[in-house]
Structures are given as C-alpha cells and as structure tokens.
C-alpha cells in the first residue's frame, strides 16, 4: 500500500535524526472521548435492581384504600 506524502516527510525527518512530529501528539488524541448515548446493559440492570421485582404477578407494592380498609 502506498504511503501518504505527509508520512514520507515524517519518515525522512526521522531518518535525518530529528524528532518525529508524530511523537508530539497528545495522548488524548488516541483516546475515545465520545460519551455514551444509551445505557449499557449493566447500567440498565442497576437502575432496576431494587424496584418491585414482583410486579409481573400484579403485586407492585402499592395499596389502594377502598371504603374502610386496605385491599
């Protein structure tokens, strides 16, 4: 595969004993600085960890006051 013109210039500078400009790059240039837009599976599990697990059976933890007592 062909090298770009800029890469050839960097290689020439390095051959001549001068500092390679690629070494001047910040370490942050190689990090992934994007933020997540949706929750991961682990985050989703932690949000529902302690919330009414029995709601599938109709018992969601809420009481309704009808007339003279709790139902």
Protein backbone atom coordinates (compact mmCIF):
# COMPACT_ATOMS: atom_id res chain seq x y z
CA UNK A 1 0.00 0.00 0.00
CA UNK A 2 1.30 3.45 -0.82
CA UNK A 3 2.43 5.87 1.88
CA UNK A 4 0.98 9.33 2.02
CA UNK A 5 3.09 12.36 1.27
CA UNK A 6 2.91 13.50 4.90
CA UNK A 7 4.04 10.07 6.14
CA UNK A 8 7.00 10.11 3.76
CA UNK A 9 8.00 13.54 5.08
CA UNK A 10 7.80 12.27 8.69
CA UNK A 11 9.94 9.25 7.83
CA UNK A 12 12.52 11.48 6.13
CA UNK A 13 12.69 13.77 9.17
CA UNK A 14 13.16 10.74 11.44
CA UNK A 15 15.91 9.35 9.19
CA UNK A 16 17.77 12.66 9.39
CA UNK A 17 17.83 12.35 13.16
CA UNK A 18 15.27 15.00 14.00
CA UNK A 19 12.23 14.41 16.17
CA UNK A 20 9.27 12.68 14.51
CA UNK A 21 6.25 15.03 14.61
CA UNK A 22 4.00 12.05 15.39
CA UNK A 23 5.73 11.83 18.79
CA UNK A 24 4.46 15.34 19.60
CA UNK A 25 0.84 14.22 19.58
CA UNK A 26 -1.09 14.41 22.80
CA UNK A 27 -2.03 11.11 24.45
CA UNK A 28 -5.63 12.35 24.31
CA UNK A 29 -5.51 12.11 20.51
CA UNK A 30 -5.77 8.33 20.80
CA UNK A 31 -8.46 8.13 23.45
CA UNK A 32 -12.14 7.66 22.76
CA UNK A 33 -13.70 10.86 24.09
CA UNK A 34 -17.24 10.10 22.94
CA UNK A 35 -19.95 9.86 25.56
CA UNK A 36 -22.44 7.03 25.58
CA UNK A 37 -25.88 7.93 24.34
CA UNK A 38 -27.72 4.88 25.70
CA UNK A 39 -27.23 2.96 28.90
CA UNK A 40 -25.21 -0.22 28.86
CA UNK A 41 -26.78 -3.49 29.92
CA UNK A 42 -25.03 -3.23 33.30
CA UNK A 43 -26.33 0.32 33.88
CA UNK A 44 -29.82 -0.76 32.97
CA UNK A 45 -29.68 -3.67 35.44
CA UNK A 46 -28.53 -1.40 38.26
CA UNK A 47 -31.40 1.02 37.70
CA UNK A 48 -33.98 -1.71 38.26
CA UNK A 49 -32.05 -3.62 40.92
CA UNK A 50 -34.24 -2.74 43.92
CA UNK A 51 -37.53 -1.81 42.29
CA UNK A 52 -40.61 -4.02 42.79
CA UNK A 53 -39.47 -7.27 41.24
CA UNK A 54 -42.86 -8.89 41.83
CA UNK A 55 -44.78 -6.54 39.54
CA UNK A 56 -45.16 -9.27 36.90
CA UNK A 57 -47.56 -11.09 39.25
CA UNK A 58 -49.63 -7.99 39.85
CA UNK A 59 -48.07 -7.19 43.23
CA UNK A 60 -46.37 -3.88 42.53
CA UNK A 61 -46.11 -2.78 46.17
CA UNK A 62 -48.94 -0.26 46.08
CA UNK A 63 -52.07 -0.33 48.24
CA UNK A 64 -55.46 1.09 47.36
CA UNK A 65 -57.68 2.48 50.09
CA UNK A 66 -61.27 1.41 49.45
CA UNK A 67 -64.01 2.33 51.89
CA UNK A 68 -62.92 1.33 55.37
CA UNK A 69 -59.63 -0.53 54.93
CA UNK A 70 -56.71 -1.57 52.82
CA UNK A 71 -57.11 -4.02 49.99
